[in-house]
Amino acid sequence: MENLTTRGRVTRLGATALGLVLLVVGTFWGSDDDFPFGPFRMYSTSNPPNAPAPDTRVEGVNSSGAVVDLDQNATGIRRAEIEGQQARYAADPTLLTEVADAYAERHPDAPALVEVRIVIRWHGIRAGRPTGQHTDQTVVRWQATR
């Protein structure tokens, strides 16, 4: 086995020091976008033990009045994409027409959607455990013009 040269040792120590500096700077001043050198807050924080837990979904109502689950299989749009853009949808609910169009493209023979809504189901939590109770909150709604 050969010994590491001085140049090799200095290179490895420099790379290690640079990695540590990036990690420290990212931890204190970074955001999720800086991962792996920034904090990944999704896993580094938790809700209070008695706070309700949100479960976001997208649903539609077709022209026959039936409620349709607009999940990834139905539209090709992942729930995380909807959640990540929720503020945009709230500011301009007409953007939900993209979800209706994606559904229509995948289900050409299905009745047309006349409403699309983003609904958060708040699951009750007590002492860190689910209570079995929930409430639904419609946070964004788009309705087709008739």
N, C-alpha and C. Protein backbone atom coordinates (compact mmCIF):
# COMPACT_ATOMS: atom_id res chain seq x y z
N MET A 1 0.85 -1.17 0.00
CA MET A 1 0.00 0.00 0.00
C MET A 1 0.89 1.24 0.00
N GLU A 2 0.57 2.19 -0.87
CA GLU A 2 1.37 3.40 -0.97
C GLU A 2 0.86 4.48 -0.02
N ASN A 3 1.76 5.34 0.43
CA ASN A 3 1.39 6.46 1.28
C ASN A 3 0.83 7.58 0.43
N LEU A 4 -0.07 8.33 1.01
CA LEU A 4 -0.66 9.48 0.32
C LEU A 4 0.38 10.59 0.26
N THR A 5 0.51 11.19 -0.91
CA THR A 5 1.47 12.28 -1.06
C THR A 5 0.98 13.53 -0.34
N THR A 6 1.89 14.44 -0.13
CA THR A 6 1.53 15.70 0.52
C THR A 6 0.49 16.44 -0.32
N ARG A 7 0.68 16.45 -1.61
CA ARG A 7 -0.28 17.11 -2.51
C ARG A 7 -1.65 16.44 -2.41
N GLY A 8 -1.71 15.13 -2.38
CA GLY A 8 -2.97 14.41 -2.25
C GLY A 8 -3.67 14.70 -0.93
N ARG A 9 -2.86 14.74 0.14
CA ARG A 9 -3.41 15.04 1.47
C ARG A 9 -3.98 16.46 1.51
N VAL A 10 -3.26 17.43 0.96
CA VAL A 10 -3.72 18.82 0.93
C VAL A 10 -5.01 18.93 0.08
N THR A 11 -5.05 18.24 -1.03
CA THR A 11 -6.24 18.26 -1.89
C THR A 11 -7.46 17.70 -1.15
N ARG A 12 -7.29 16.58 -0.48
CA ARG A 12 -8.41 15.97 0.26
C ARG A 12 -8.85 16.85 1.43
N LEU A 13 -7.89 17.42 2.15
CA LEU A 13 -8.24 18.31 3.26
C LEU A 13 -8.96 19.58 2.74
N GLY A 14 -8.50 20.10 1.61
CA GLY A 14 -9.14 21.28 1.02
C GLY A 14 -10.58 20.98 0.59
N ALA A 15 -10.79 19.83 -0.04
CA ALA A 15 -12.14 19.44 -0.46
C ALA A 15 -13.04 19.22 0.76
N THR A 16 -12.51 18.61 1.80
CA THR A 16 -13.28 18.39 3.03
C THR A 16 -13.63 19.73 3.67
N ALA A 17 -12.67 20.64 3.74
CA ALA A 17 -12.92 21.96 4.34
C ALA A 17 -13.96 22.73 3.54
N LEU A 18 -13.88 22.68 2.21
CA LEU A 18 -14.85 23.35 1.36
C LEU A 18 -16.25 22.77 1.59
N GLY A 19 -16.35 21.45 1.66
CA GLY A 19 -17.64 20.80 1.93
C GLY A 19 -18.21 21.22 3.27
N LEU A 20 -17.37 21.28 4.29
CA LEU A 20 -17.84 21.69 5.62
C LEU A 20 -18.29 23.15 5.63
N VAL A 21 -17.56 24.02 4.94
CA VAL A 21 -17.95 25.43 4.86
C VAL A 21 -19.29 25.56 4.16
N LEU A 22 -19.48 24.87 3.04
CA LEU A 22 -20.76 24.91 2.33
C LEU A 22 -21.89 24.38 3.20
N LEU A 23 -21.63 23.34 3.96
CA LEU A 23 -22.63 22.76 4.84
C LEU A 23 -23.04 23.74 5.94
N VAL A 24 -22.06 24.39 6.57
CA VAL A 24 -22.36 25.34 7.65
C VAL A 24 -23.09 26.56 7.10
N VAL A 25 -22.59 27.12 5.99
CA VAL A 25 -23.24 28.29 5.39
C VAL A 25 -24.66 27.94 4.96
N GLY A 26 -24.85 26.79 4.31
CA GLY A 26 -26.17 26.37 3.87
C GLY A 26 -27.13 26.11 5.01
N THR A 27 -26.62 25.59 6.11
CA THR A 27 -27.47 25.31 7.27
C THR A 27 -28.04 26.59 7.86
N PHE A 28 -27.22 27.63 7.96
CA PHE A 28 -27.69 28.86 8.59
C PHE A 28 -28.35 29.84 7.63
N TRP A 29 -27.96 29.87 6.37
CA TRP A 29 -28.49 30.85 5.43
C TRP A 29 -29.09 30.24 4.18
N GLY A 30 -29.15 28.93 4.10
CA GLY A 30 -29.65 28.27 2.91
C GLY A 30 -31.13 27.99 2.94
N SER A 31 -31.61 27.43 1.84
CA SER A 31 -33.01 27.04 1.72
C SER A 31 -33.06 25.61 1.17
N ASP A 32 -34.26 25.09 1.00
CA ASP A 32 -34.41 23.74 0.46
C ASP A 32 -33.75 23.59 -0.91
N ASP A 33 -33.73 24.68 -1.67
CA ASP A 33 -33.13 24.63 -3.01
C ASP A 33 -31.62 24.39 -2.97
N ASP A 34 -30.99 24.61 -1.83
CA ASP A 34 -29.55 24.43 -1.71
C ASP A 34 -29.16 23.03 -1.26
N PHE A 35 -30.14 22.14 -1.13
CA PHE A 35 -29.86 20.77 -0.68
C PHE A 35 -28.85 20.13 -1.63
N PRO A 36 -27.84 19.42 -1.19
CA PRO A 36 -27.61 18.84 0.12
C PRO A 36 -26.85 19.75 1.08
N PHE A 37 -26.50 20.96 0.65
CA PHE A 37 -25.74 21.85 1.54
C PHE A 37 -26.66 22.76 2.35
N GLY A 38 -27.93 22.82 1.98
CA GLY A 38 -28.90 23.59 2.75
C GLY A 38 -29.80 22.64 3.51
N PRO A 39 -30.58 23.19 4.40
CA PRO A 39 -31.47 22.34 5.20
C PRO A 39 -32.60 21.81 4.33
N PHE A 40 -33.01 20.60 4.59
CA PHE A 40 -34.16 20.03 3.91
C PHE A 40 -35.28 20.08 4.94
N ARG A 41 -35.92 21.24 5.01
CA ARG A 41 -36.87 21.54 6.08
C ARG A 41 -38.03 20.56 6.16
N MET A 42 -38.37 19.93 5.06
CA MET A 42 -39.48 18.99 5.07
C MET A 42 -39.27 17.91 6.13
N TYR A 43 -38.04 17.53 6.34
CA TYR A 43 -37.75 16.48 7.31
C TYR A 43 -37.13 17.00 8.59
N SER A 44 -36.82 18.29 8.64
CA SER A 44 -36.13 18.80 9.83
C SER A 44 -37.06 19.53 10.78
N THR A 45 -38.34 19.62 10.45
CA THR A 45 -39.30 20.28 11.32
C THR A 45 -40.50 19.36 11.53
N SER A 46 -41.29 19.68 12.51
CA SER A 46 -42.52 18.91 12.73
C SER A 46 -43.60 19.86 13.22
N ASN A 47 -44.84 19.42 13.07
CA ASN A 47 -45.97 20.20 13.56
C ASN A 47 -46.14 19.96 15.05
N PRO A 48 -46.79 20.89 15.74
CA PRO A 48 -47.10 20.67 17.15
C PRO A 48 -47.94 19.40 17.33
N PRO A 49 -47.86 18.73 18.48
CA PRO A 49 -48.53 17.44 18.66
C PRO A 49 -50.05 17.48 18.61
N ASN A 50 -50.65 18.66 18.71
CA ASN A 50 -52.11 18.77 18.65
C ASN A 50 -52.59 19.55 17.43
N ALA A 51 -51.72 19.80 16.49
CA ALA A 51 -52.10 20.54 15.28
C ALA A 51 -52.62 19.57 14.23
N PRO A 52 -53.67 19.95 13.50
CA PRO A 52 -54.20 19.07 12.47
C PRO A 52 -53.20 18.88 11.33
N ALA A 53 -53.27 17.72 10.69
CA ALA A 53 -52.36 17.39 9.59
C ALA A 53 -53.08 17.57 8.25
N PRO A 54 -52.49 18.35 7.32
CA PRO A 54 -53.15 18.58 6.04
C PRO A 54 -52.91 17.45 5.04
N ASP A 55 -53.92 17.18 4.24
CA ASP A 55 -53.82 16.21 3.14
C ASP A 55 -54.51 16.86 1.94
N THR A 56 -53.72 17.35 1.00
CA THR A 56 -54.24 18.10 -0.14
C THR A 56 -54.63 17.16 -1.26
N ARG A 57 -55.76 17.46 -1.89
CA ARG A 57 -56.20 16.68 -3.06
C ARG A 57 -56.85 17.63 -4.06
N VAL A 58 -56.96 17.16 -5.29
CA VAL A 58 -57.65 17.91 -6.34
C VAL A 58 -58.82 17.05 -6.79
N GLU A 59 -59.97 17.68 -6.87
CA GLU A 59 -61.14 16.95 -7.32
C GLU A 59 -61.91 17.82 -8.30
N GLY A 60 -62.70 17.16 -9.12
CA GLY A 60 -63.51 17.87 -10.09
C GLY A 60 -64.94 17.40 -10.03
N VAL A 61 -65.81 18.17 -10.63
CA VAL A 61 -67.21 17.79 -10.77
C VAL A 61 -67.49 17.80 -12.26
N ASN A 62 -68.01 16.67 -12.77
CA ASN A 62 -68.28 16.61 -14.20
C ASN A 62 -69.70 17.11 -14.50
N SER A 63 -70.03 17.17 -15.77
CA SER A 63 -71.31 17.74 -16.19
C SER A 63 -72.51 16.93 -15.70
N SER A 64 -72.30 15.69 -15.29
CA SER A 64 -73.41 14.90 -14.74
C SER A 64 -73.51 15.06 -13.22
N GLY A 65 -72.61 15.84 -12.61
CA GLY A 65 -72.66 16.10 -11.18
C GLY A 65 -71.81 15.17 -10.33
N ALA A 66 -71.13 14.22 -10.95
CA ALA A 66 -70.29 13.28 -10.21
C ALA A 66 -68.96 13.92 -9.82
N VAL A 67 -68.49 13.62 -8.62
CA VAL A 67 -67.19 14.10 -8.16
C VAL A 67 -66.11 13.13 -8.66
N VAL A 68 -65.08 13.68 -9.26
CA VAL A 68 -64.00 12.90 -9.86
C VAL A 68 -62.70 13.23 -9.14
N ASP A 69 -61.96 12.20 -8.73
CA ASP A 69 -60.65 12.39 -8.11
C ASP A 69 -59.65 12.71 -9.21
N LEU A 70 -59.02 13.86 -9.14
CA LEU A 70 -58.07 14.29 -10.17
C LEU A 70 -56.64 14.08 -9.70
N ASP A 71 -56.30 12.82 -9.46
CA ASP A 71 -54.95 12.47 -9.01
C ASP A 71 -54.03 12.33 -10.22
N GLN A 72 -52.82 11.86 -9.97
CA GLN A 72 -51.83 11.73 -11.04
C GLN A 72 -52.28 10.78 -12.12
N ASN A 73 -52.95 9.71 -11.77
CA ASN A 73 -53.42 8.75 -12.78
C ASN A 73 -54.47 9.37 -13.70
N ALA A 74 -55.29 10.26 -13.15
CA ALA A 74 -56.36 10.86 -13.93
C ALA A 74 -55.89 12.02 -14.80
N THR A 75 -54.83 12.72 -14.37
CA THR A 75 -54.41 13.93 -15.09
C THR A 75 -52.97 13.91 -15.56
N GLY A 76 -52.13 13.10 -14.93
CA GLY A 76 -50.70 13.14 -15.22
C GLY A 76 -49.97 14.22 -14.44
N ILE A 77 -50.68 14.92 -13.56
CA ILE A 77 -50.09 15.98 -12.76
C ILE A 77 -49.93 15.47 -11.33
N ARG A 78 -48.71 15.53 -10.82
CA ARG A 78 -48.45 15.05 -9.46
C ARG A 78 -49.02 16.01 -8.41
N ARG A 79 -49.43 15.45 -7.31
CA ARG A 79 -49.98 16.25 -6.21
C ARG A 79 -48.96 17.29 -5.74
N ALA A 80 -47.69 16.92 -5.70
CA ALA A 80 -46.66 17.86 -5.24
C ALA A 80 -46.58 19.08 -6.16
N GLU A 81 -46.85 18.90 -7.44
CA GLU A 81 -46.84 20.04 -8.36
C GLU A 81 -47.99 20.99 -8.04
N ILE A 82 -49.15 20.43 -7.70
CA ILE A 82 -50.30 21.25 -7.32
C ILE A 82 -50.00 21.98 -6.01
N GLU A 83 -49.50 21.25 -5.02
CA GLU A 83 -49.21 21.86 -3.72
C GLU A 83 -48.15 22.96 -3.85
N GLY A 84 -47.15 22.71 -4.68
CA GLY A 84 -46.08 23.70 -4.85
C GLY A 84 -46.55 24.98 -5.53
N GLN A 85 -47.62 24.88 -6.32
CA GLN A 85 -48.14 26.04 -7.05
C GLN A 85 -49.46 26.55 -6.46
N GLN A 86 -49.80 26.08 -5.28
CA GLN A 86 -51.11 26.40 -4.70
C GLN A 86 -51.35 27.90 -4.58
N ALA A 87 -50.34 28.66 -4.24
CA ALA A 87 -50.50 30.12 -4.13
C ALA A 87 -50.84 30.72 -5.49
N ARG A 88 -50.25 30.22 -6.55
CA ARG A 88 -50.58 30.70 -7.90
C ARG A 88 -52.01 30.37 -8.26
N TYR A 89 -52.45 29.16 -7.94
CA TYR A 89 -53.84 28.77 -8.21
C TYR A 89 -54.81 29.64 -7.42
N ALA A 90 -54.47 29.94 -6.18
CA ALA A 90 -55.33 30.78 -5.35
C ALA A 90 -55.41 32.19 -5.92
N ALA A 91 -54.30 32.70 -6.43
CA ALA A 91 -54.28 34.04 -7.01
C ALA A 91 -55.04 34.10 -8.33
N ASP A 92 -55.02 32.99 -9.07
CA ASP A 92 -55.69 32.93 -10.37
C ASP A 92 -56.31 31.55 -10.57
N PRO A 93 -57.52 31.35 -10.07
CA PRO A 93 -58.16 30.02 -10.16
C PRO A 93 -58.35 29.52 -11.60
N THR A 94 -58.32 30.42 -12.59
CA THR A 94 -58.48 29.96 -13.97
C THR A 94 -57.33 29.05 -14.40
N LEU A 95 -56.21 29.08 -13.66
CA LEU A 95 -55.11 28.16 -13.97
C LEU A 95 -55.53 26.71 -13.80
N LEU A 96 -56.58 26.46 -13.02
CA LEU A 96 -57.06 25.08 -12.84
C LEU A 96 -57.66 24.51 -14.11
N THR A 97 -57.87 25.35 -15.13
CA THR A 97 -58.33 24.82 -16.42
C THR A 97 -57.29 23.87 -17.00
N GLU A 98 -56.00 24.08 -16.65
CA GLU A 98 -54.95 23.16 -17.11
C GLU A 98 -55.19 21.75 -16.58
N VAL A 99 -55.67 21.65 -15.34
CA VAL A 99 -55.98 20.34 -14.76
C VAL A 99 -57.18 19.73 -15.49
N ALA A 100 -58.20 20.55 -15.75
CA ALA A 100 -59.38 20.06 -16.48
C ALA A 100 -58.99 19.61 -17.89
N ASP A 101 -58.11 20.36 -18.55
CA ASP A 101 -57.66 19.99 -19.89
C ASP A 101 -56.86 18.70 -19.87
N ALA A 102 -56.00 18.53 -18.86
CA ALA A 102 -55.21 17.30 -18.75
C ALA A 102 -56.12 16.10 -18.53
N TYR A 103 -57.17 16.28 -17.73
CA TYR A 103 -58.14 15.19 -17.51
C TYR A 103 -58.87 14.86 -18.81
N ALA A 104 -59.31 15.89 -19.52
CA ALA A 104 -60.04 15.68 -20.78
C ALA A 104 -59.17 14.98 -21.81
N GLU A 105 -57.89 15.31 -21.83
CA GLU A 105 -56.97 14.67 -22.79
C GLU A 105 -56.81 13.18 -22.50
N ARG A 106 -56.78 12.81 -21.22
CA ARG A 106 -56.62 11.40 -20.84
C ARG A 106 -57.93 10.63 -20.85
N HIS A 107 -59.05 11.35 -20.79
CA HIS A 107 -60.37 10.71 -20.73
C HIS A 107 -61.30 11.38 -21.74
N PRO A 108 -61.03 11.18 -23.04
CA PRO A 108 -61.82 11.91 -24.05
C PRO A 108 -63.30 11.54 -24.07
N ASP A 109 -63.66 10.36 -23.61
CA ASP A 109 -65.06 9.94 -23.63
C ASP A 109 -65.81 10.27 -22.34
N ALA A 110 -65.12 10.81 -21.34
CA ALA A 110 -65.74 11.13 -20.05
C ALA A 110 -66.49 12.46 -20.15
N PRO A 111 -67.53 12.64 -19.34
CA PRO A 111 -68.22 13.94 -19.32
C PRO A 111 -67.24 15.05 -18.94
N ALA A 112 -67.44 16.21 -19.51
CA ALA A 112 -66.54 17.35 -19.26
C ALA A 112 -66.62 17.81 -17.81
N LEU A 113 -65.50 18.31 -17.33
CA LEU A 113 -65.47 18.86 -15.97
C LEU A 113 -66.02 20.28 -16.00
N VAL A 114 -66.91 20.57 -15.06
CA VAL A 114 -67.48 21.91 -14.95
C VAL A 114 -66.93 22.65 -13.73
N GLU A 115 -66.20 21.91 -12.90
CA GLU A 115 -65.59 22.52 -11.72
C GLU A 115 -64.34 21.73 -11.35
N VAL A 116 -63.31 22.45 -10.94
CA VAL A 116 -62.10 21.85 -10.40
C VAL A 116 -61.79 22.60 -9.11
N ARG A 117 -61.42 21.85 -8.07
CA ARG A 117 -61.14 22.49 -6.78
C ARG A 117 -59.98 21.80 -6.08
N ILE A 118 -59.25 22.61 -5.33
CA ILE A 118 -58.19 22.09 -4.47
C ILE A 118 -58.77 22.04 -3.06
N VAL A 119 -58.74 20.86 -2.48
CA VAL A 119 -59.35 20.65 -1.17
C VAL A 119 -58.27 20.14 -0.21
N ILE A 120 -58.24 20.72 0.98
CA ILE A 120 -57.34 20.22 2.02
C ILE A 120 -58.19 19.51 3.06
N ARG A 121 -57.87 18.26 3.30
CA ARG A 121 -58.52 17.52 4.39
C ARG A 121 -57.61 17.64 5.60
N TRP A 122 -58.14 18.26 6.65
CA TRP A 122 -57.41 18.45 7.90
C TRP A 122 -57.74 17.29 8.83
N HIS A 123 -56.77 16.40 9.03
CA HIS A 123 -56.95 15.26 9.92
C HIS A 123 -56.65 15.69 11.35
N GLY A 124 -57.58 15.38 12.25
CA GLY A 124 -57.40 15.73 13.65
C GLY A 124 -56.27 14.94 14.29
N ILE A 125 -55.46 15.63 15.07
CA ILE A 125 -54.34 15.02 15.77
C ILE A 125 -54.43 15.43 17.24
N ARG A 126 -54.29 14.48 18.13
CA ARG A 126 -54.26 14.77 19.57
C ARG A 126 -53.10 14.00 20.16
N ALA A 127 -52.21 14.69 20.83
CA ALA A 127 -51.01 14.09 21.44
C ALA A 127 -50.20 13.30 20.41
N GLY A 128 -50.13 13.83 19.20
CA GLY A 128 -49.33 13.21 18.15
C GLY A 128 -49.97 12.01 17.49
N ARG A 129 -51.22 11.70 17.79
CA ARG A 129 -51.91 10.54 17.24
C ARG A 129 -53.17 10.97 16.51
N PRO A 130 -53.53 10.31 15.41
CA PRO A 130 -54.76 10.67 14.70
C PRO A 130 -56.00 10.41 15.54
N THR A 131 -56.96 11.33 15.43
CA THR A 131 -58.21 11.18 16.19
C THR A 131 -59.29 10.45 15.40
N GLY A 132 -59.10 10.34 14.09
CA GLY A 132 -60.12 9.73 13.23
C GLY A 132 -61.12 10.76 12.71
N GLN A 133 -61.01 11.99 13.15
CA GLN A 133 -61.90 13.05 12.69
C GLN A 133 -61.18 13.90 11.65
N HIS A 134 -61.94 14.50 10.76
CA HIS A 134 -61.35 15.38 9.76
C HIS A 134 -62.36 16.42 9.31
N THR A 135 -61.85 17.49 8.75
CA THR A 135 -62.67 18.50 8.10
C THR A 135 -62.06 18.82 6.75
N ASP A 136 -62.91 19.11 5.78
CA ASP A 136 -62.45 19.47 4.45
C ASP A 136 -62.57 20.97 4.25
N GLN A 137 -61.56 21.54 3.61
CA GLN A 137 -61.54 22.97 3.32
C GLN A 137 -61.21 23.16 1.84
N THR A 138 -62.13 23.73 1.09
CA THR A 138 -61.86 24.05 -0.30
C THR A 138 -61.09 25.37 -0.33
N VAL A 139 -59.87 25.31 -0.83
CA VAL A 139 -59.02 26.51 -0.81
C VAL A 139 -58.98 27.23 -2.14
N VAL A 140 -59.24 26.51 -3.25
CA VAL A 140 -59.29 27.13 -4.58
C VAL A 140 -60.39 26.43 -5.37
N ARG A 141 -61.16 27.23 -6.11
CA ARG A 141 -62.24 26.66 -6.92
C ARG A 141 -62.30 27.38 -8.26
N TRP A 142 -62.40 26.59 -9.31
CA TRP A 142 -62.64 27.14 -10.64
C TRP A 142 -63.91 26.49 -11.17
N GLN A 143 -64.80 27.31 -11.75
CA GLN A 143 -66.00 26.80 -12.36
C GLN A 143 -66.04 27.24 -13.81
N ALA A 144 -66.44 26.31 -14.67
CA ALA A 144 -66.55 26.62 -16.09
C ALA A 144 -67.68 27.60 -16.31
N THR A 145 -67.51 28.49 -17.28
CA THR A 145 -68.60 29.39 -17.61
C THR A 145 -69.66 28.60 -18.35
N ARG A 146 -70.88 28.88 -18.02
CA ARG A 146 -72.00 28.08 -18.60
C ARG A 146 -72.58 28.76 -19.80
